[in-house]
PDB file of all heavy atoms in Angstrom:
ATOM      1  N   LEU A   1      -4.827  -2.836  -9.320  1.00  0.00           N
ATOM      2  CA  LEU A   1      -5.212  -4.016  -8.584  1.00  0.00           C
ATOM      3  C   LEU A   1      -4.095  -4.455  -7.778  1.00  0.00           C
ATOM      4  O   LEU A   1      -2.882  -4.239  -8.098  1.00  0.00           O
ATOM      5  CB  LEU A   1      -5.556  -5.115  -9.597  1.00  0.00           C
ATOM      6  CG  LEU A   1      -6.033  -6.447  -8.918  1.00  0.00           C
ATOM      7  CD1 LEU A   1      -7.471  -6.353  -8.476  1.00  0.00           C
ATOM      8  CD2 LEU A   1      -5.980  -7.585 -10.069  1.00  0.00           C
ATOM      9  N   ALA A   2      -4.363  -5.102  -6.600  1.00  0.00           N
ATOM     10  CA  ALA A   2      -3.395  -5.702  -5.689  1.00  0.00           C
ATOM     11  C   ALA A   2      -2.169  -4.861  -5.397  1.00  0.00           C
ATOM     12  O   ALA A   2      -1.083  -5.227  -5.771  1.00  0.00           O
ATOM     13  CB  ALA A   2      -2.938  -7.019  -6.362  1.00  0.00           C
ATOM     14  N   SER A   3      -2.430  -3.688  -4.838  1.00  0.00           N
ATOM     15  CA  SER A   3      -1.380  -2.737  -4.628  1.00  0.00           C
ATOM     16  C   SER A   3      -1.652  -1.949  -3.310  1.00  0.00           C
ATOM     17  O   SER A   3      -2.575  -2.219  -2.612  1.00  0.00           O
ATOM     18  CB  SER A   3      -1.398  -1.750  -5.751  1.00  0.00           C
ATOM     19  OG  SER A   3      -1.052  -2.398  -7.038  1.00  0.00           O
ATOM     20  N   GLN A   4      -0.819  -0.949  -3.022  1.00  0.00           N
ATOM     21  CA  GLN A   4      -0.947  -0.047  -1.922  1.00  0.00           C
ATOM     22  C   GLN A   4      -1.127  -0.791  -0.551  1.00  0.00           C
ATOM     23  O   GLN A   4      -2.075  -0.767   0.114  1.00  0.00           O
ATOM     24  CB  GLN A   4      -2.061   0.824  -2.164  1.00  0.00           C
ATOM     25  CG  GLN A   4      -1.887   1.771  -3.410  1.00  0.00           C
ATOM     26  CD  GLN A   4      -3.160   2.570  -3.741  1.00  0.00           C
ATOM     27  OE1 GLN A   4      -4.212   2.470  -3.136  1.00  0.00           O
ATOM     28  NE2 GLN A   4      -3.026   3.339  -4.855  1.00  0.00           N
ATOM     29  N   GLY A   5      -0.041  -1.606  -0.281  1.00  0.00           N
ATOM     30  CA  GLY A   5      -0.065  -2.425   0.978  1.00  0.00           C
ATOM     31  C   GLY A   5      -0.804  -3.699   0.639  1.00  0.00           C
ATOM     32  O   GLY A   5      -1.819  -3.978   1.401  1.00  0.00           O
ATOM     33  N   PHE A   6      -0.332  -4.555  -0.222  1.00  0.00           N
ATOM     34  CA  PHE A   6      -0.991  -5.807  -0.599  1.00  0.00           C
ATOM     35  C   PHE A   6      -0.084  -6.996  -0.208  1.00  0.00           C
ATOM     36  O   PHE A   6       1.105  -7.000  -0.639  1.00  0.00           O
ATOM     37  CB  PHE A   6      -1.316  -5.871  -2.041  1.00  0.00           C
ATOM     38  CG  PHE A   6      -1.752  -7.204  -2.630  1.00  0.00           C
ATOM     39  CD1 PHE A   6      -3.005  -7.636  -2.414  1.00  0.00           C
ATOM     40  CD2 PHE A   6      -0.889  -8.066  -3.192  1.00  0.00           C
ATOM     41  CE1 PHE A   6      -3.456  -8.838  -2.861  1.00  0.00           C
ATOM     42  CE2 PHE A   6      -1.189  -9.358  -3.644  1.00  0.00           C
ATOM     43  CZ  PHE A   6      -2.589  -9.751  -3.491  1.00  0.00           C
ATOM     44  N   GLY A   7      -0.641  -7.968   0.520  1.00  0.00           N
ATOM     45  CA  GLY A   7       0.061  -9.119   0.789  1.00  0.00           C
ATOM     46  C   GLY A   7      -0.614 -10.389   0.245  1.00  0.00           C
ATOM     47  O   GLY A   7      -1.718 -10.794   0.759  1.00  0.00           O
ATOM     48  N   GLY A   8      -0.071 -10.985  -0.779  1.00  0.00           N
ATOM     49  CA  GLY A   8      -0.691 -12.222  -1.330  1.00  0.00           C
ATOM     50  C   GLY A   8      -0.103 -13.409  -0.669  1.00  0.00           C
ATOM     51  O   GLY A   8       0.676 -13.261   0.275  1.00  0.00           O
ATOM     52  N   PRO A   9      -0.299 -14.623  -1.045  1.00  0.00           N
ATOM     53  CA  PRO A   9       0.229 -15.811  -0.413  1.00  0.00           C
ATOM     54  C   PRO A   9       1.687 -15.743  -0.245  1.00  0.00           C
ATOM     55  O   PRO A   9       2.483 -15.518  -1.110  1.00  0.00           O
ATOM     56  CB  PRO A   9      -0.205 -16.929  -1.380  1.00  0.00           C
ATOM     57  CG  PRO A   9      -1.344 -16.474  -2.046  1.00  0.00           C
ATOM     58  CD  PRO A   9      -1.218 -14.925  -2.201  1.00  0.00           C
ATOM     59  N   GLY A  10       2.173 -15.914   0.990  1.00  0.00           N
ATOM     60  CA  GLY A  10       3.581 -15.993   1.302  1.00  0.00           C
ATOM     61  C   GLY A  10       4.234 -14.530   1.217  1.00  0.00           C
ATOM     62  O   GLY A  10       5.476 -14.435   1.144  1.00  0.00           O
ATOM     63  N   GLY A  11       3.446 -13.456   1.149  1.00  0.00           N
ATOM     64  CA  GLY A  11       3.999 -12.121   0.966  1.00  0.00           C
ATOM     65  C   GLY A  11       3.633 -11.219   2.067  1.00  0.00           C
ATOM     66  O   GLY A  11       2.739 -11.362   2.748  1.00  0.00           O
ATOM     67  N   TYR A  12       4.641 -10.220   2.185  1.00  0.00           N
ATOM     68  CA  TYR A  12       4.491  -9.157   3.223  1.00  0.00           C
ATOM     69  C   TYR A  12       4.686  -7.870   2.375  1.00  0.00           C
ATOM     70  O   TYR A  12       5.729  -7.447   2.027  1.00  0.00           O
ATOM     71  CB  TYR A  12       5.500  -9.253   4.275  1.00  0.00           C
ATOM     72  CG  TYR A  12       5.397 -10.478   5.104  1.00  0.00           C
ATOM     73  CD1 TYR A  12       5.972 -11.675   4.703  1.00  0.00           C
ATOM     74  CD2 TYR A  12       4.734 -10.516   6.277  1.00  0.00           C
ATOM     75  CE1 TYR A  12       5.905 -12.870   5.489  1.00  0.00           C
ATOM     76  CE2 TYR A  12       4.585 -11.614   7.127  1.00  0.00           C
ATOM     77  CZ  TYR A  12       5.180 -12.821   6.690  1.00  0.00           C
ATOM     78  OH  TYR A  12       5.079 -13.939   7.431  1.00  0.00           O
ATOM     79  N   GLY A  13       3.570  -7.142   2.135  1.00  0.00           N
ATOM     80  CA  GLY A  13       3.608  -5.910   1.402  1.00  0.00           C
ATOM     81  C   GLY A  13       3.276  -4.795   2.308  1.00  0.00           C
ATOM     82  O   GLY A  13       2.245  -4.813   3.037  1.00  0.00           O
ATOM     83  N   VAL A  14       4.120  -3.688   2.352  1.00  0.00           N
ATOM     84  CA  VAL A  14       4.016  -2.580   3.217  1.00  0.00           C
ATOM     85  C   VAL A  14       4.167  -1.241   2.428  1.00  0.00           C
ATOM     86  O   VAL A  14       5.133  -1.126   1.762  1.00  0.00           O
ATOM     87  CB  VAL A  14       4.992  -2.636   4.410  1.00  0.00           C
ATOM     88  CG1 VAL A  14       4.849  -1.413   5.279  1.00  0.00           C
ATOM     89  CG2 VAL A  14       4.886  -3.959   5.158  1.00  0.00           C
ATOM     90  N   GLN A  15       3.286  -0.312   2.671  1.00  0.00           N
ATOM     91  CA  GLN A  15       3.327   1.002   2.221  1.00  0.00           C
ATOM     92  C   GLN A  15       3.212   1.971   3.345  1.00  0.00           C
ATOM     93  O   GLN A  15       2.359   1.849   4.115  1.00  0.00           O
ATOM     94  CB  GLN A  15       2.274   1.377   1.193  1.00  0.00           C
ATOM     95  CG  GLN A  15       2.350   2.798   0.604  1.00  0.00           C
ATOM     96  CD  GLN A  15       1.278   3.081  -0.472  1.00  0.00           C
ATOM     97  OE1 GLN A  15       0.443   2.235  -0.785  1.00  0.00           O
ATOM     98  NE2 GLN A  15       1.338   4.263  -0.995  1.00  0.00           N
ATOM     99  N   VAL A  16       4.206   2.966   3.382  1.00  0.00           N
ATOM    100  CA  VAL A  16       4.375   3.932   4.403  1.00  0.00           C
ATOM    101  C   VAL A  16       4.414   5.348   3.800  1.00  0.00           C
ATOM    102  O   VAL A  16       5.186   5.545   3.042  1.00  0.00           O
ATOM    103  CB  VAL A  16       5.522   3.680   5.307  1.00  0.00           C
ATOM    104  CG1 VAL A  16       5.593   4.697   6.481  1.00  0.00           C
ATOM    105  CG2 VAL A  16       5.496   2.273   5.860  1.00  0.00           C
ATOM    106  N   ASP A  17       3.496   6.219   4.211  1.00  0.00           N
ATOM    107  CA  ASP A  17       3.582   7.609   3.898  1.00  0.00           C
ATOM    108  C   ASP A  17       3.708   8.457   5.159  1.00  0.00           C
ATOM    109  O   ASP A  17       2.822   8.397   6.026  1.00  0.00           O
ATOM    110  CB  ASP A  17       2.469   8.015   3.058  1.00  0.00           C
ATOM    111  CG  ASP A  17       2.552   9.400   2.414  1.00  0.00           C
ATOM    112  OD1 ASP A  17       2.615  10.481   3.285  1.00  0.00           O
ATOM    113  OD2 ASP A  17       2.800   9.568   1.308  1.00  0.00           O
ATOM    114  N   ARG A  18       4.733   9.235   5.380  1.00  0.00           N
ATOM    115  CA  ARG A  18       5.011   9.925   6.719  1.00  0.00           C
ATOM    116  C   ARG A  18       4.374  11.257   6.789  1.00  0.00           C
ATOM    117  O   ARG A  18       4.110  11.670   7.921  1.00  0.00           O
ATOM    118  CB  ARG A  18       6.504   9.963   6.871  1.00  0.00           C
ATOM    119  CG  ARG A  18       7.168   8.587   6.960  1.00  0.00           C
ATOM    120  CD  ARG A  18       8.733   8.715   7.310  1.00  0.00           C
ATOM    121  NE  ARG A  18       8.905   9.530   8.610  1.00  0.00           N
ATOM    122  CZ  ARG A  18      10.027   9.844   9.052  1.00  0.00           C
ATOM    123  NH1 ARG A  18      11.156   9.695   8.306  1.00  0.00           N
ATOM    124  NH2 ARG A  18      10.135  10.419  10.202  1.00  0.00           N
ATOM    125  N   SER A  19       4.015  11.945   5.721  1.00  0.00           N
ATOM    126  CA  SER A  19       3.519  13.279   5.909  1.00  0.00           C
ATOM    127  C   SER A  19       2.892  13.680   4.564  1.00  0.00           C
ATOM    128  O   SER A  19       3.276  13.235   3.486  1.00  0.00           O
ATOM    129  CB  SER A  19       4.488  14.314   6.430  1.00  0.00           C
ATOM    130  OG  SER A  19       5.478  14.470   5.458  1.00  0.00           O
ATOM    131  N   GLY A  20       2.024  14.806   4.648  1.00  0.00           N
ATOM    132  CA  GLY A  20       1.438  15.346   3.450  1.00  0.00           C
ATOM    133  C   GLY A  20      -0.027  14.930   3.331  1.00  0.00           C
ATOM    134  O   GLY A  20      -0.497  14.001   3.888  1.00  0.00           O
ATOM    135  N   ASP A  21      -0.765  15.784   2.467  1.00  0.00           N
ATOM    136  CA  ASP A  21      -2.115  15.487   2.157  1.00  0.00           C
ATOM    137  C   ASP A  21      -2.174  14.607   0.925  1.00  0.00           C
ATOM    138  O   ASP A  21      -1.866  15.082  -0.177  1.00  0.00           O
ATOM    139  CB  ASP A  21      -2.890  16.792   1.894  1.00  0.00           C
ATOM    140  CG  ASP A  21      -2.945  17.689   3.122  1.00  0.00           C
ATOM    141  OD1 ASP A  21      -2.735  17.211   4.198  1.00  0.00           O
ATOM    142  OD2 ASP A  21      -2.980  18.923   2.915  1.00  0.00           O
ATOM    143  N   ASP A  22      -2.452  13.322   1.102  1.00  0.00           N
ATOM    144  CA  ASP A  22      -2.287  12.374   0.005  1.00  0.00           C
ATOM    145  C   ASP A  22      -3.618  11.814  -0.470  1.00  0.00           C
ATOM    146  O   ASP A  22      -4.642  11.826   0.145  1.00  0.00           O
ATOM    147  CB  ASP A  22      -1.377  11.183   0.494  1.00  0.00           C
ATOM    148  CG  ASP A  22      -0.087  11.672   1.144  1.00  0.00           C
ATOM    149  OD1 ASP A  22       0.614  12.485   0.493  1.00  0.00           O
ATOM    150  OD2 ASP A  22       0.165  11.365   2.299  1.00  0.00           O
ATOM    151  N   TYR A  23      -3.500  11.298  -1.750  1.00  0.00           N
ATOM    152  CA  TYR A  23      -4.660  10.711  -2.361  1.00  0.00           C
ATOM    153  C   TYR A  23      -4.370   9.246  -2.865  1.00  0.00           C
ATOM    154  O   TYR A  23      -3.358   9.049  -3.505  1.00  0.00           O
ATOM    155  CB  TYR A  23      -5.076  11.576  -3.593  1.00  0.00           C
ATOM    156  CG  TYR A  23      -6.200  11.013  -4.468  1.00  0.00           C
ATOM    157  CD1 TYR A  23      -7.502  11.022  -4.030  1.00  0.00           C
ATOM    158  CD2 TYR A  23      -5.908  10.324  -5.634  1.00  0.00           C
ATOM    159  CE1 TYR A  23      -8.535  10.457  -4.779  1.00  0.00           C
ATOM    160  CE2 TYR A  23      -6.949   9.851  -6.507  1.00  0.00           C
ATOM    161  CZ  TYR A  23      -8.227   9.947  -6.010  1.00  0.00           C
ATOM    162  OH  TYR A  23      -9.246   9.406  -6.855  1.00  0.00           O
ATOM    163  N   TYR A  24      -5.293   8.360  -2.500  1.00  0.00           N
ATOM    164  CA  TYR A  24      -5.114   6.945  -2.812  1.00  0.00           C
ATOM    165  C   TYR A  24      -6.313   6.498  -3.694  1.00  0.00           C
ATOM    166  O   TYR A  24      -7.390   6.700  -3.311  1.00  0.00           O
ATOM    167  CB  TYR A  24      -4.984   6.058  -1.646  1.00  0.00           C
ATOM    168  CG  TYR A  24      -3.874   6.330  -0.640  1.00  0.00           C
ATOM    169  CD1 TYR A  24      -3.948   7.294   0.253  1.00  0.00           C
ATOM    170  CD2 TYR A  24      -2.577   5.547  -0.732  1.00  0.00           C
ATOM    171  CE1 TYR A  24      -2.871   7.605   1.135  1.00  0.00           C
ATOM    172  CE2 TYR A  24      -1.594   5.827   0.074  1.00  0.00           C
ATOM    173  CZ  TYR A  24      -1.637   6.842   1.007  1.00  0.00           C
ATOM    174  OH  TYR A  24      -0.643   7.073   1.851  1.00  0.00           O
ATOM    175  N   GLU A  25      -6.006   5.848  -4.859  1.00  0.00           N
ATOM    176  CA  GLU A  25      -7.084   5.347  -5.675  1.00  0.00           C
ATOM    177  C   GLU A  25      -6.628   3.996  -6.216  1.00  0.00           C
ATOM    178  O   GLU A  25      -5.622   3.791  -6.642  1.00  0.00           O
ATOM    179  CB  GLU A  25      -7.382   6.256  -6.838  1.00  0.00           C
ATOM    180  CG  GLU A  25      -8.436   5.837  -7.712  1.00  0.00           C
ATOM    181  CD  GLU A  25      -8.624   6.691  -8.953  1.00  0.00           C
ATOM    182  OE1 GLU A  25      -8.407   7.940  -8.820  1.00  0.00           O
ATOM    183  OE2 GLU A  25      -8.838   6.180 -10.121  1.00  0.00           O
ATOM    184  N   CYS A  26      -7.556   3.003  -6.141  1.00  0.00           N
ATOM    185  CA  CYS A  26      -7.294   1.689  -6.626  1.00  0.00           C
ATOM    186  C   CYS A  26      -8.562   0.987  -7.006  1.00  0.00           C
ATOM    187  O   CYS A  26      -9.556   0.999  -6.238  1.00  0.00           O
ATOM    188  CB  CYS A  26      -6.556   0.852  -5.542  1.00  0.00           C
ATOM    189  SG  CYS A  26      -5.982  -0.717  -6.086  1.00  0.00           S
TER     190      CYS A  26
END
């Protein structure tokens, strides 16, 4: 929960992946 580039109140959340075959689950 609340992950992988998540910005809650007053927050700046950043996720960066530059290369590769990737898998995201949430």
